[in-house]
Amino acid sequence: MKKVVSTTLAPAAIGPYSQAIEHNGILYCSGQIPLDPESMQIVGDNAADQAKQVMKNLSAVLEEAGSDFSKVLKCSIFLDDMNDFGEVNEVYGSYFKNDPPARETVAVQTLPKSVLVEISCIAII
C-alpha cells in the first residue's frame, strides 16, 4: 500500500504529483526546487543559494515521513548549467559527510520555473 507524504514545511506540489510516496519502508521524494514553502517564491539568485533551499525542502519532506539525510539511498540532481556543478556539489556534500548515497547529476535544458537546480531522492524510513 502506498502512502502520500505531505508537509506545509516544504512547497506544495505545483502539478499532479505528491511531495513523496512511502511504500514498504521506502520513501520516494519528488524533485524539490528552491521555492519558499510559505510564499512559493524562488529563493536564491545563484545555484549555491538555490541548492540550500532545495536541501531544506527535501529535509522537511524526509522528516515528515520519519526519515533524514542519513537514510537517503540515492539522489538525482538536475542542473540548468553543468558549470554550477562545483557550487551545488559543495552544498549537497555538506548534508552527506559520511557514507553518501548513490547519485547522478545531469544538466537539462530547462527546469520548472527556470530555476538552476532540482534534487530528488529515495530514502529508507
PDB file of N, CA and C in Angstrom:
ATOM      1  N   MET A   1       0.836  -1.185   0.000  1.00  0.00           N
ATOM      2  CA  MET A   1       0.000   0.000   0.000  1.00  0.00           C
ATOM      3  C   MET A   1       0.874   1.239   0.000  1.00  0.00           C
ATOM      4  N   LYS A   2       0.567   2.178  -0.846  1.00  0.00           N
ATOM      5  CA  LYS A   2       1.345   3.409  -0.868  1.00  0.00           C
ATOM      6  C   LYS A   2       0.689   4.459   0.021  1.00  0.00           C
ATOM      7  N   LYS A   3       1.550   5.318   0.591  1.00  0.00           N
ATOM      8  CA  LYS A   3       1.074   6.385   1.471  1.00  0.00           C
ATOM      9  C   LYS A   3       1.647   7.705   0.969  1.00  0.00           C
ATOM     10  N   VAL A   4       0.789   8.695   0.795  1.00  0.00           N
ATOM     11  CA  VAL A   4       1.220  10.017   0.383  1.00  0.00           C
ATOM     12  C   VAL A   4       1.806  10.742   1.591  1.00  0.00           C
ATOM     13  N   VAL A   5       2.961  11.369   1.399  1.00  0.00           N
ATOM     14  CA  VAL A   5       3.600  12.168   2.439  1.00  0.00           C
ATOM     15  C   VAL A   5       3.509  13.624   2.013  1.00  0.00           C
ATOM     16  N   SER A   6       3.044  14.469   2.925  1.00  0.00           N
ATOM     17  CA  SER A   6       2.879  15.883   2.609  1.00  0.00           C
ATOM     18  C   SER A   6       3.146  16.719   3.855  1.00  0.00           C
ATOM     19  N   THR A   7       3.838  17.837   3.675  1.00  0.00           N
ATOM     20  CA  THR A   7       4.102  18.760   4.775  1.00  0.00           C
ATOM     21  C   THR A   7       4.005  20.190   4.277  1.00  0.00           C
ATOM     22  N   THR A   8       3.531  21.079   5.136  1.00  0.00           N
ATOM     23  CA  THR A   8       3.490  22.502   4.801  1.00  0.00           C
ATOM     24  C   THR A   8       4.861  23.152   4.961  1.00  0.00           C
ATOM     25  N   LEU A   9       5.841  22.411   5.472  1.00  0.00           N
ATOM     26  CA  LEU A   9       7.195  22.940   5.655  1.00  0.00           C
ATOM     27  C   LEU A   9       8.031  22.827   4.378  1.00  0.00           C
ATOM     28  N   ALA A  10       7.439  22.248   3.343  1.00  0.00           N
ATOM     29  CA  ALA A  10       8.050  22.188   2.010  1.00  0.00           C
ATOM     30  C   ALA A  10       7.008  22.737   1.030  1.00  0.00           C
ATOM     31  N   PRO A  11       7.449  23.197  -0.133  1.00  0.00           N
ATOM     32  CA  PRO A  11       6.491  23.756  -1.087  1.00  0.00           C
ATOM     33  C   PRO A  11       5.423  22.746  -1.508  1.00  0.00           C
ATOM     34  N   ALA A  12       4.215  23.253  -1.660  1.00  0.00           N
ATOM     35  CA  ALA A  12       3.133  22.422  -2.171  1.00  0.00           C
ATOM     36  C   ALA A  12       3.462  22.031  -3.607  1.00  0.00           C
ATOM     37  N   ALA A  13       2.972  20.892  -4.017  1.00  0.00           N
ATOM     38  CA  ALA A  13       3.181  20.432  -5.390  1.00  0.00           C
ATOM     39  C   ALA A  13       2.611  21.460  -6.366  1.00  0.00           C
ATOM     40  N   ILE A  14       3.354  21.701  -7.446  1.00  0.00           N
ATOM     41  CA  ILE A  14       2.885  22.653  -8.453  1.00  0.00           C
ATOM     42  C   ILE A  14       2.377  21.914  -9.699  1.00  0.00           C
ATOM     43  N   GLY A  15       2.009  20.681  -9.503  1.00  0.00           N
ATOM     44  CA  GLY A  15       1.490  19.849 -10.587  1.00  0.00           C
ATOM     45  C   GLY A  15       0.839  18.613 -10.007  1.00  0.00           C
ATOM     46  N   PRO A  16       0.495  17.662 -10.860  1.00  0.00           N
ATOM     47  CA  PRO A  16      -0.173  16.446 -10.400  1.00  0.00           C
ATOM     48  C   PRO A  16       0.822  15.411  -9.863  1.00  0.00           C
ATOM     49  N   TYR A  17       1.407  15.710  -8.713  1.00  0.00           N
ATOM     50  CA  TYR A  17       2.334  14.793  -8.052  1.00  0.00           C
ATOM     51  C   TYR A  17       2.283  15.042  -6.552  1.00  0.00           C
ATOM     52  N   SER A  18       2.831  14.125  -5.781  1.00  0.00           N
ATOM     53  CA  SER A  18       2.918  14.247  -4.321  1.00  0.00           C
ATOM     54  C   SER A  18       4.338  14.643  -3.941  1.00  0.00           C
ATOM     55  N   GLN A  19       4.494  15.286  -2.793  1.00  0.00           N
ATOM     56  CA  GLN A  19       5.840  15.613  -2.314  1.00  0.00           C
ATOM     57  C   GLN A  19       6.663  14.349  -2.157  1.00  0.00           C
ATOM     58  N   ALA A  20       6.020  13.294  -1.683  1.00  0.00           N
ATOM     59  CA  ALA A  20       6.700  12.000  -1.542  1.00  0.00           C
ATOM     60  C   ALA A  20       5.656  10.897  -1.431  1.00  0.00           C
ATOM     61  N   ILE A  21       6.101   9.693  -1.734  1.00  0.00           N
ATOM     62  CA  ILE A  21       5.283   8.488  -1.565  1.00  0.00           C
ATOM     63  C   ILE A  21       6.098   7.485  -0.762  1.00  0.00           C
ATOM     64  N   GLU A  22       5.476   6.918   0.261  1.00  0.00           N
ATOM     65  CA  GLU A  22       6.108   5.861   1.058  1.00  0.00           C
ATOM     66  C   GLU A  22       5.485   4.539   0.657  1.00  0.00           C
ATOM     67  N   HIS A  23       6.340   3.538   0.451  1.00  0.00           N
ATOM     68  CA  HIS A  23       5.865   2.201   0.115  1.00  0.00           C
ATOM     69  C   HIS A  23       6.851   1.188   0.680  1.00  0.00           C
ATOM     70  N   ASN A  24       6.348   0.301   1.530  1.00  0.00           N
ATOM     71  CA  ASN A  24       7.165  -0.765   2.120  1.00  0.00           C
ATOM     72  C   ASN A  24       8.461  -0.252   2.749  1.00  0.00           C
ATOM     73  N   GLY A  25       8.378   0.847   3.472  1.00  0.00           N
ATOM     74  CA  GLY A  25       9.547   1.365   4.177  1.00  0.00           C
ATOM     75  C   GLY A  25      10.522   2.160   3.330  1.00  0.00           C
ATOM     76  N   ILE A  26      10.163   2.387   2.062  1.00  0.00           N
ATOM     77  CA  ILE A  26      10.996   3.194   1.169  1.00  0.00           C
ATOM     78  C   ILE A  26      10.239   4.478   0.847  1.00  0.00           C
ATOM     79  N   LEU A  27      10.962   5.589   0.885  1.00  0.00           N
ATOM     80  CA  LEU A  27      10.382   6.897   0.613  1.00  0.00           C
ATOM     81  C   LEU A  27      10.908   7.408  -0.720  1.00  0.00           C
ATOM     82  N   TYR A  28      10.007   7.746  -1.611  1.00  0.00           N
ATOM     83  CA  TYR A  28      10.341   8.282  -2.927  1.00  0.00           C
ATOM     84  C   TYR A  28       9.974   9.766  -2.924  1.00  0.00           C
ATOM     85  N   CYS A  29      10.974  10.625  -2.819  1.00  0.00           N
ATOM     86  CA  CYS A  29      10.741  12.068  -2.743  1.00  0.00           C
ATOM     87  C   CYS A  29      10.785  12.678  -4.137  1.00  0.00           C
ATOM     88  N   SER A  30       9.751  13.415  -4.479  1.00  0.00           N
ATOM     89  CA  SER A  30       9.731  14.140  -5.747  1.00  0.00           C
ATOM     90  C   SER A  30      10.825  15.194  -5.740  1.00  0.00           C
ATOM     91  N   GLY A  31      11.189  15.630  -6.924  1.00  0.00           N
ATOM     92  CA  GLY A  31      12.194  16.681  -7.030  1.00  0.00           C
ATOM     93  C   GLY A  31      11.736  17.954  -6.349  1.00  0.00           C
ATOM     94  N   GLN A  32      12.649  18.542  -5.621  1.00  0.00           N
ATOM     95  CA  GLN A  32      12.382  19.824  -4.978  1.00  0.00           C
ATOM     96  C   GLN A  32      13.144  20.908  -5.724  1.00  0.00           C
ATOM     97  N   ILE A  33      12.491  22.037  -5.885  1.00  0.00           N
ATOM     98  CA  ILE A  33      13.149  23.207  -6.439  1.00  0.00           C
ATOM     99  C   ILE A  33      13.199  24.266  -5.340  1.00  0.00           C
ATOM    100  N   PRO A  34      13.947  25.347  -5.541  1.00  0.00           N
ATOM    101  CA  PRO A  34      14.161  26.309  -4.458  1.00  0.00           C
ATOM    102  C   PRO A  34      13.000  27.275  -4.223  1.00  0.00           C
ATOM    103  N   LEU A  35      11.857  26.718  -3.891  1.00  0.00           N
ATOM    104  CA  LEU A  35      10.708  27.544  -3.553  1.00  0.00           C
ATOM    105  C   LEU A  35      10.585  27.676  -2.046  1.00  0.00           C
ATOM    106  N   ASP A  36      10.290  28.875  -1.582  1.00  0.00           N
ATOM    107  CA  ASP A  36       9.959  29.078  -0.173  1.00  0.00           C
ATOM    108  C   ASP A  36       8.570  28.486   0.037  1.00  0.00           C
ATOM    109  N   PRO A  37       8.388  27.612   1.033  1.00  0.00           N
ATOM    110  CA  PRO A  37       7.098  26.940   1.192  1.00  0.00           C
ATOM    111  C   PRO A  37       5.941  27.885   1.533  1.00  0.00           C
ATOM    112  N   GLU A  38       6.222  29.022   2.154  1.00  0.00           N
ATOM    113  CA  GLU A  38       5.144  29.948   2.511  1.00  0.00           C
ATOM    114  C   GLU A  38       4.751  30.853   1.353  1.00  0.00           C
ATOM    115  N   SER A  39       5.738  31.475   0.729  1.00  0.00           N
ATOM    116  CA  SER A  39       5.441  32.439  -0.331  1.00  0.00           C
ATOM    117  C   SER A  39       5.361  31.797  -1.715  1.00  0.00           C
ATOM    118  N   MET A  40       5.923  30.598  -1.859  1.00  0.00           N
ATOM    119  CA  MET A  40       6.031  29.907  -3.143  1.00  0.00           C
ATOM    120  C   MET A  40       6.836  30.729  -4.153  1.00  0.00           C
ATOM    121  N   GLN A  41       7.742  31.554  -3.633  1.00  0.00           N
ATOM    122  CA  GLN A  41       8.643  32.335  -4.478  1.00  0.00           C
ATOM    123  C   GLN A  41      10.004  31.647  -4.515  1.00  0.00           C
ATOM    124  N   ILE A  42      10.731  31.824  -5.614  1.00  0.00           N
ATOM    125  CA  ILE A  42      12.063  31.242  -5.759  1.00  0.00           C
ATOM    126  C   ILE A  42      13.022  31.931  -4.797  1.00  0.00           C
ATOM    127  N   VAL A  43      13.834  31.127  -4.115  1.00  0.00           N
ATOM    128  CA  VAL A  43      14.833  31.615  -3.170  1.00  0.00           C
ATOM    129  C   VAL A  43      16.210  31.469  -3.804  1.00  0.00           C
ATOM    130  N   GLY A  44      17.004  32.538  -3.796  1.00  0.00           N
ATOM    131  CA  GLY A  44      18.384  32.460  -4.255  1.00  0.00           C
ATOM    132  C   GLY A  44      18.589  32.915  -5.678  1.00  0.00           C
ATOM    133  N   ASP A  45      19.640  33.692  -5.864  1.00  0.00           N
ATOM    134  CA  ASP A  45      19.979  34.200  -7.186  1.00  0.00           C
ATOM    135  C   ASP A  45      21.074  33.390  -7.866  1.00  0.00           C
ATOM    136  N   ASN A  46      21.684  32.462  -7.121  1.00  0.00           N
ATOM    137  CA  ASN A  46      22.749  31.634  -7.695  1.00  0.00           C
ATOM    138  C   ASN A  46      22.488  30.179  -7.340  1.00  0.00           C
ATOM    139  N   ALA A  47      23.218  29.288  -7.965  1.00  0.00           N
ATOM    140  CA  ALA A  47      22.978  27.856  -7.794  1.00  0.00           C
ATOM    141  C   ALA A  47      23.222  27.384  -6.368  1.00  0.00           C
ATOM    142  N   ALA A  48      24.233  27.931  -5.688  1.00  0.00           N
ATOM    143  CA  ALA A  48      24.525  27.515  -4.312  1.00  0.00           C
ATOM    144  C   ALA A  48      23.374  27.885  -3.380  1.00  0.00           C
ATOM    145  N   ASP A  49      22.893  29.114  -3.474  1.00  0.00           N
ATOM    146  CA  ASP A  49      21.788  29.532  -2.618  1.00  0.00           C
ATOM    147  C   ASP A  49      20.513  28.760  -2.934  1.00  0.00           C
ATOM    148  N   GLN A  50      20.297  28.489  -4.202  1.00  0.00           N
ATOM    149  CA  GLN A  50      19.126  27.695  -4.566  1.00  0.00           C
ATOM    150  C   GLN A  50      19.259  26.266  -4.037  1.00  0.00           C
ATOM    151  N   ALA A  51      20.452  25.698  -4.110  1.00  0.00           N
ATOM    152  CA  ALA A  51      20.676  24.336  -3.601  1.00  0.00           C
ATOM    153  C   ALA A  51      20.406  24.259  -2.104  1.00  0.00           C
ATOM    154  N   LYS A  52      20.767  25.297  -1.369  1.00  0.00           N
ATOM    155  CA  LYS A  52      20.492  25.319   0.082  1.00  0.00           C
ATOM    156  C   LYS A  52      18.993  25.233   0.344  1.00  0.00           C
ATOM    157  N   GLN A  53      18.195  25.975  -0.417  1.00  0.00           N
ATOM    158  CA  GLN A  53      16.744  25.926  -0.226  1.00  0.00           C
ATOM    159  C   GLN A  53      16.191  24.570  -0.645  1.00  0.00           C
ATOM    160  N   VAL A  54      16.714  24.018  -1.721  1.00  0.00           N
ATOM    161  CA  VAL A  54      16.278  22.700  -2.179  1.00  0.00           C
ATOM    162  C   VAL A  54      16.521  21.658  -1.079  1.00  0.00           C
ATOM    163  N   MET A  55      17.710  21.680  -0.483  1.00  0.00           N
ATOM    164  CA  MET A  55      18.030  20.704   0.571  1.00  0.00           C
ATOM    165  C   MET A  55      17.167  20.932   1.811  1.00  0.00           C
ATOM    166  N   LYS A  56      16.867  22.180   2.107  1.00  0.00           N
ATOM    167  CA  LYS A  56      15.966  22.489   3.230  1.00  0.00           C
ATOM    168  C   LYS A  56      14.575  21.903   2.957  1.00  0.00           C
ATOM    169  N   ASN A  57      14.111  22.053   1.731  1.00  0.00           N
ATOM    170  CA  ASN A  57      12.801  21.498   1.365  1.00  0.00           C
ATOM    171  C   ASN A  57      12.805  19.970   1.438  1.00  0.00           C
ATOM    172  N   LEU A  58      13.859  19.344   0.911  1.00  0.00           N
ATOM    173  CA  LEU A  58      13.957  17.879   0.983  1.00  0.00           C
ATOM    174  C   LEU A  58      13.994  17.409   2.430  1.00  0.00           C
ATOM    175  N   SER A  59      14.724  18.121   3.267  1.00  0.00           N
ATOM    176  CA  SER A  59      14.814  17.768   4.686  1.00  0.00           C
ATOM    177  C   SER A  59      13.434  17.752   5.333  1.00  0.00           C
ATOM    178  N   ALA A  60      12.612  18.746   5.012  1.00  0.00           N
ATOM    179  CA  ALA A  60      11.267  18.819   5.590  1.00  0.00           C
ATOM    180  C   ALA A  60      10.417  17.627   5.170  1.00  0.00           C
ATOM    181  N   VAL A  61      10.531  17.219   3.916  1.00  0.00           N
ATOM    182  CA  VAL A  61       9.760  16.068   3.429  1.00  0.00           C
ATOM    183  C   VAL A  61      10.265  14.782   4.090  1.00  0.00           C
ATOM    184  N   LEU A  62      11.579  14.620   4.151  1.00  0.00           N
ATOM    185  CA  LEU A  62      12.152  13.447   4.811  1.00  0.00           C
ATOM    186  C   LEU A  62      11.689  13.354   6.263  1.00  0.00           C
ATOM    187  N   GLU A  63      11.772  14.463   6.979  1.00  0.00           N
ATOM    188  CA  GLU A  63      11.383  14.473   8.393  1.00  0.00           C
ATOM    189  C   GLU A  63       9.908  14.168   8.577  1.00  0.00           C
ATOM    190  N   GLU A  64       9.059  14.689   7.707  1.00  0.00           N
ATOM    191  CA  GLU A  64       7.621  14.410   7.800  1.00  0.00           C
ATOM    192  C   GLU A  64       7.351  12.909   7.708  1.00  0.00           C
ATOM    193  N   ALA A  65       8.168  12.214   6.948  1.00  0.00           N
ATOM    194  CA  ALA A  65       7.990  10.766   6.757  1.00  0.00           C
ATOM    195  C   ALA A  65       8.713   9.942   7.827  1.00  0.00           C
ATOM    196  N   GLY A  66       9.466  10.610   8.711  1.00  0.00           N
ATOM    197  CA  GLY A  66      10.210   9.881   9.738  1.00  0.00           C
ATOM    198  C   GLY A  66      11.584   9.446   9.268  1.00  0.00           C
ATOM    199  N   SER A  67      12.147  10.146   8.301  1.00  0.00           N
ATOM    200  CA  SER A  67      13.462   9.823   7.768  1.00  0.00           C
ATOM    201  C   SER A  67      14.368  11.046   7.885  1.00  0.00           C
ATOM    202  N   ASP A  68      15.570  10.934   7.349  1.00  0.00           N
ATOM    203  CA  ASP A  68      16.506  12.055   7.330  1.00  0.00           C
ATOM    204  C   ASP A  68      17.596  11.750   6.307  1.00  0.00           C
ATOM    205  N   PHE A  69      18.536  12.694   6.152  1.00  0.00           N
ATOM    206  CA  PHE A  69      19.564  12.529   5.127  1.00  0.00           C
ATOM    207  C   PHE A  69      20.462  11.318   5.363  1.00  0.00           C
ATOM    208  N   SER A  70      20.593  10.863   6.600  1.00  0.00           N
ATOM    209  CA  SER A  70      21.438   9.691   6.863  1.00  0.00           C
ATOM    210  C   SER A  70      20.827   8.408   6.298  1.00  0.00           C
ATOM    211  N   LYS A  71      19.557   8.460   5.935  1.00  0.00           N
ATOM    212  CA  LYS A  71      18.857   7.292   5.418  1.00  0.00           C
ATOM    213  C   LYS A  71      18.607   7.365   3.911  1.00  0.00           C
ATOM    214  N   VAL A  72      19.183   8.365   3.263  1.00  0.00           N
ATOM    215  CA  VAL A  72      18.990   8.518   1.824  1.00  0.00           C
ATOM    216  C   VAL A  72      19.835   7.489   1.075  1.00  0.00           C
ATOM    217  N   LEU A  73      19.214   6.784   0.160  1.00  0.00           N
ATOM    218  CA  LEU A  73      19.874   5.758  -0.637  1.00  0.00           C
ATOM    219  C   LEU A  73      20.406   6.312  -1.965  1.00  0.00           C
ATOM    220  N   LYS A  74      19.651   7.227  -2.565  1.00  0.00           N
ATOM    221  CA  LYS A  74      20.009   7.735  -3.886  1.00  0.00           C
ATOM    222  C   LYS A  74      19.426   9.127  -4.098  1.00  0.00           C
ATOM    223  N   CYS A  75      20.202   9.966  -4.754  1.00  0.00           N
ATOM    224  CA  CYS A  75      19.738  11.296  -5.145  1.00  0.00           C
ATOM    225  C   CYS A  75      19.918  11.483  -6.641  1.00  0.00           C
ATOM    226  N   SER A  76      19.075  12.310  -7.201  1.00  0.00           N
ATOM    227  CA  SER A  76      19.216  12.748  -8.579  1.00  0.00           C
ATOM    228  C   SER A  76      19.271  14.271  -8.554  1.00  0.00           C
ATOM    229  N   ILE A  77      20.327  14.819  -9.161  1.00  0.00           N
ATOM    230  CA  ILE A  77      20.497  16.267  -9.220  1.00  0.00           C
ATOM    231  C   ILE A  77      20.350  16.691 -10.672  1.00  0.00           C
ATOM    232  N   PHE A  78      19.520  17.695 -10.876  1.00  0.00           N
ATOM    233  CA  PHE A  78      19.291  18.258 -12.197  1.00  0.00           C
ATOM    234  C   PHE A  78      19.744  19.708 -12.177  1.00  0.00           C
ATOM    235  N   LEU A  79      20.654  20.045 -13.075  1.00  0.00           N
ATOM    236  CA  LEU A  79      21.194  21.403 -13.146  1.00  0.00           C
ATOM    237  C   LEU A  79      20.792  22.061 -14.456  1.00  0.00           C
ATOM    238  N   ASP A  80      20.550  23.342 -14.385  1.00  0.00           N
ATOM    239  CA  ASP A  80      20.308  24.128 -15.588  1.00  0.00           C
ATOM    240  C   ASP A  80      21.597  24.317 -16.374  1.00  0.00           C
ATOM    241  N   ASP A  81      22.734  24.312 -15.658  1.00  0.00           N
ATOM    242  CA  ASP A  81      24.038  24.551 -16.282  1.00  0.00           C
ATOM    243  C   ASP A  81      25.092  23.730 -15.538  1.00  0.00           C
ATOM    244  N   MET A  82      25.775  22.836 -16.228  1.00  0.00           N
ATOM    245  CA  MET A  82      26.784  21.992 -15.584  1.00  0.00           C
ATOM    246  C   MET A  82      27.936  22.820 -15.002  1.00  0.00           C
ATOM    247  N   ASN A  83      28.087  24.059 -15.401  1.00  0.00           N
ATOM    248  CA  ASN A  83      29.100  24.929 -14.798  1.00  0.00           C
ATOM    249  C   ASN A  83      28.801  25.225 -13.331  1.00  0.00           C
ATOM    250  N   ASP A  84      27.569  24.967 -12.894  1.00  0.00           N
ATOM    251  CA  ASP A  84      27.186  25.160 -11.487  1.00  0.00           C
ATOM    252  C   ASP A  84      27.472  23.927 -10.636  1.00  0.00           C
ATOM    253  N   PHE A  85      28.004  22.877 -11.251  1.00  0.00           N
ATOM    254  CA  PHE A  85      28.223  21.616 -10.539  1.00  0.00           C
ATOM    255  C   PHE A  85      29.026  21.808  -9.248  1.00  0.00           C
ATOM    256  N   GLY A  86      30.136  22.520  -9.296  1.00  0.00           N
ATOM    257  CA  GLY A  86      31.008  22.664  -8.133  1.00  0.00           C
ATOM    258  C   GLY A  86      30.318  23.291  -6.945  1.00  0.00           C
ATOM    259  N   GLU A  87      29.612  24.390  -7.159  1.00  0.00           N
ATOM    260  CA  GLU A  87      28.975  25.056  -6.030  1.00  0.00           C
ATOM    261  C   GLU A  87      27.783  24.261  -5.497  1.00  0.00           C
ATOM    262  N   VAL A  88      27.040  23.602  -6.374  1.00  0.00           N
ATOM    263  CA  VAL A  88      25.930  22.759  -5.912  1.00  0.00           C
ATOM    264  C   VAL A  88      26.485  21.542  -5.179  1.00  0.00           C
ATOM    265  N   ASN A  89      27.541  20.945  -5.701  1.00  0.00           N
ATOM    266  CA  ASN A  89      28.145  19.781  -5.072  1.00  0.00           C
ATOM    267  C   ASN A  89      28.645  20.106  -3.665  1.00  0.00           C
ATOM    268  N   GLU A  90      29.189  21.312  -3.479  1.00  0.00           N
ATOM    269  CA  GLU A  90      29.666  21.718  -2.146  1.00  0.00           C
ATOM    270  C   GLU A  90      28.516  21.800  -1.150  1.00  0.00           C
ATOM    271  N   VAL A  91      27.411  22.405  -1.549  1.00  0.00           N
ATOM    272  CA  VAL A  91      26.232  22.484  -0.676  1.00  0.00           C
ATOM    273  C   VAL A  91      25.700  21.084  -0.419  1.00  0.00           C
ATOM    274  N   TYR A  92      25.499  20.324  -1.464  1.00  0.00           N
ATOM    275  CA  TYR A  92      24.972  18.954  -1.365  1.00  0.00           C
ATOM    276  C   TYR A  92      25.846  18.111  -0.436  1.00  0.00           C
ATOM    277  N   GLY A  93      27.156  18.174  -0.634  1.00  0.00           N
ATOM    278  CA  GLY A  93      28.087  17.370   0.159  1.00  0.00           C
ATOM    279  C   GLY A  93      28.051  17.682   1.638  1.00  0.00           C
ATOM    280  N   SER A  94      27.668  18.892   2.004  1.00  0.00           N
ATOM    281  CA  SER A  94      27.605  19.254   3.424  1.00  0.00           C
ATOM    282  C   SER A  94      26.500  18.493   4.158  1.00  0.00           C
ATOM    283  N   TYR A  95      25.573  17.903   3.426  1.00  0.00           N
ATOM    284  CA  TYR A  95      24.489  17.117   4.028  1.00  0.00           C
ATOM    285  C   TYR A  95      24.827  15.635   4.116  1.00  0.00           C
ATOM    286  N   PHE A  96      25.908  15.222   3.461  1.00  0.00           N
ATOM    287  CA  PHE A  96      26.282  13.807   3.405  1.00  0.00           C
ATOM    288  C   PHE A  96      27.760  13.651   3.731  1.00  0.00           C
ATOM    289  N   LYS A  97      28.125  13.906   4.976  1.00  0.00           N
ATOM    290  CA  LYS A  97      29.534  13.842   5.409  1.00  0.00           C
ATOM    291  C   LYS A  97      30.065  12.409   5.399  1.00  0.00           C
ATOM    292  N   ASN A  98      29.236  11.454   5.813  1.00  0.00           N
ATOM    293  CA  ASN A  98      29.657  10.048   5.903  1.00  0.00           C
ATOM    294  C   ASN A  98      28.733   9.177   5.060  1.00  0.00           C
ATOM    295  N   ASP A  99      29.311   8.204   4.395  1.00  0.00           N
ATOM    296  CA  ASP A  99      28.531   7.238   3.611  1.00  0.00           C
ATOM    297  C   ASP A  99      27.498   7.913   2.713  1.00  0.00           C
ATOM    298  N   PRO A 100      27.936   8.747   1.773  1.00  0.00           N
ATOM    299  CA  PRO A 100      26.972   9.425   0.904  1.00  0.00           C
ATOM    300  C   PRO A 100      26.194   8.440   0.047  1.00  0.00           C
ATOM    301  N   PRO A 101      24.995   8.850  -0.372  1.00  0.00           N
ATOM    302  CA  PRO A 101      24.160   7.962  -1.193  1.00  0.00           C
ATOM    303  C   PRO A 101      24.678   7.866  -2.625  1.00  0.00           C
ATOM    304  N   ALA A 102      24.114   6.940  -3.354  1.00  0.00           N
ATOM    305  CA  ALA A 102      24.347   6.885  -4.801  1.00  0.00           C
ATOM    306  C   ALA A 102      23.734   8.149  -5.400  1.00  0.00           C
ATOM    307  N   ARG A 103      24.248   8.545  -6.578  1.00  0.00           N
ATOM    308  CA  ARG A 103      23.771   9.808  -7.142  1.00  0.00           C
ATOM    309  C   ARG A 103      24.105   9.897  -8.619  1.00  0.00           C
ATOM    310  N   GLU A 104      23.286  10.668  -9.336  1.00  0.00           N
ATOM    311  CA  GLU A 104      23.667  11.112 -10.651  1.00  0.00           C
ATOM    312  C   GLU A 104      23.369  12.601 -10.724  1.00  0.00           C
ATOM    313  N   THR A 105      24.124  13.279 -11.556  1.00  0.00           N
ATOM    314  CA  THR A 105      23.925  14.708 -11.800  1.00  0.00           C
ATOM    315  C   THR A 105      23.877  14.911 -13.300  1.00  0.00           C
ATOM    316  N   VAL A 106      22.827  15.546 -13.762  1.00  0.00           N
ATOM    317  CA  VAL A 106      22.690  15.798 -15.186  1.00  0.00           C
ATOM    318  C   VAL A 106      22.305  17.249 -15.423  1.00  0.00           C
ATOM    319  N   ALA A 107      22.747  17.768 -16.548  1.00  0.00           N
ATOM    320  CA  ALA A 107      22.323  19.095 -16.978  1.00  0.00           C
ATOM    321  C   ALA A 107      21.132  18.913 -17.904  1.00  0.00           C
ATOM    322  N   VAL A 108      20.153  19.753 -17.724  1.00  0.00           N
ATOM    323  CA  VAL A 108      18.945  19.698 -18.542  1.00  0.00           C
ATOM    324  C   VAL A 108      18.723  21.056 -19.201  1.00  0.00           C
ATOM    325  N   GLN A 109      17.900  21.077 -20.196  1.00  0.00           N
ATOM    326  CA  GLN A 109      17.686  22.319 -20.931  1.00  0.00           C
ATOM    327  C   GLN A 109      16.982  23.373 -20.077  1.00  0.00           C
ATOM    328  N   THR A 110      15.918  22.987 -19.385  1.00  0.00           N
ATOM    329  CA  THR A 110      15.154  23.925 -18.568  1.00  0.00           C
ATOM    330  C   THR A 110      14.517  23.170 -17.415  1.00  0.00           C
ATOM    331  N   LEU A 111      14.500  23.815 -16.246  1.00  0.00           N
ATOM    332  CA  LEU A 111      13.842  23.253 -15.077  1.00  0.00           C
ATOM    333  C   LEU A 111      12.563  24.039 -14.787  1.00  0.00           C
ATOM    334  N   PRO A 112      11.653  23.466 -13.988  1.00  0.00           N
ATOM    335  CA  PRO A 112      10.426  24.188 -13.656  1.00  0.00           C
ATOM    336  C   PRO A 112      10.733  25.580 -13.103  1.00  0.00           C
ATOM    337  N   LYS A 113       9.956  26.540 -13.532  1.00  0.00           N
ATOM    338  CA  LYS A 113      10.091  27.941 -13.105  1.00  0.00           C
ATOM    339  C   LYS A 113      11.466  28.521 -13.416  1.00  0.00           C
ATOM    340  N   SER A 114      12.175  27.883 -14.336  1.00  0.00           N
ATOM    341  CA  SER A 114      13.507  28.331 -14.770  1.00  0.00           C
ATOM    342  C   SER A 114      14.511  28.440 -13.630  1.00  0.00           C
ATOM    343  N   VAL A 115      14.392  27.532 -12.635  1.00  0.00           N
ATOM    344  CA  VAL A 115      15.359  27.516 -11.532  1.00  0.00           C
ATOM    345  C   VAL A 115      16.667  26.908 -12.017  1.00  0.00           C
ATOM    346  N   LEU A 116      17.677  26.976 -11.168  1.00  0.00           N
ATOM    347  CA  LEU A 116      19.012  26.496 -11.532  1.00  0.00           C
ATOM    348  C   LEU A 116      19.274  25.062 -11.096  1.00  0.00           C
ATOM    349  N   VAL A 117      18.507  24.566 -10.099  1.00  0.00           N
ATOM    350  CA  VAL A 117      18.761  23.222  -9.566  1.00  0.00           C
ATOM    351  C   VAL A 117      17.460  22.585  -9.057  1.00  0.00           C
ATOM    352  N   GLU A 118      17.381  21.272  -9.237  1.00  0.00           N
ATOM    353  CA  GLU A 118      16.312  20.456  -8.686  1.00  0.00           C
ATOM    354  C   GLU A 118      16.940  19.163  -8.186  1.00  0.00           C
ATOM    355  N   ILE A 119      16.494  18.683  -7.029  1.00  0.00           N
ATOM    356  CA  ILE A 119      17.041  17.442  -6.468  1.00  0.00           C
ATOM    357  C   ILE A 119      15.903  16.571  -5.966  1.00  0.00           C
ATOM    358  N   SER A 120      15.958  15.278  -6.297  1.00  0.00           N
ATOM    359  CA  SER A 120      15.022  14.293  -5.757  1.00  0.00           C
ATOM    360  C   SER A 120      15.839  13.235  -5.025  1.00  0.00           C
ATOM    361  N   CYS A 121      15.140  12.409  -4.228  1.00  0.00           N
ATOM    362  CA  CYS A 121      15.855  11.346  -3.525  1.00  0.00           C
ATOM    363  C   CYS A 121      14.940  10.173  -3.198  1.00  0.00           C
ATOM    364  N   ILE A 122      15.605   9.068  -2.871  1.00  0.00           N
ATOM    365  CA  ILE A 122      14.947   7.860  -2.378  1.00  0.00           C
ATOM    366  C   ILE A 122      15.612   7.535  -1.048  1.00  0.00           C
ATOM    367  N   ALA A 123      14.801   7.267  -0.028  1.00  0.00           N
ATOM    368  CA  ALA A 123      15.328   7.024   1.319  1.00  0.00           C
ATOM    369  C   ALA A 123      14.587   5.880   1.991  1.00  0.00           C
ATOM    370  N   ILE A 124      15.215   5.339   3.023  1.00  0.00           N
ATOM    371  CA  ILE A 124      14.503   4.383   3.874  1.00  0.00           C
ATOM    372  C   ILE A 124      13.869   5.163   5.036  1.00  0.00           C
ATOM    373  N   ILE A 125      12.887   4.561   5.624  1.00  0.00           N
ATOM    374  CA  ILE A 125      12.204   5.214   6.757  1.00  0.00           C
ATOM    375  C   ILE A 125      12.623   4.522   8.041  1.00  0.00           C
TER     376      ILE A 125
END
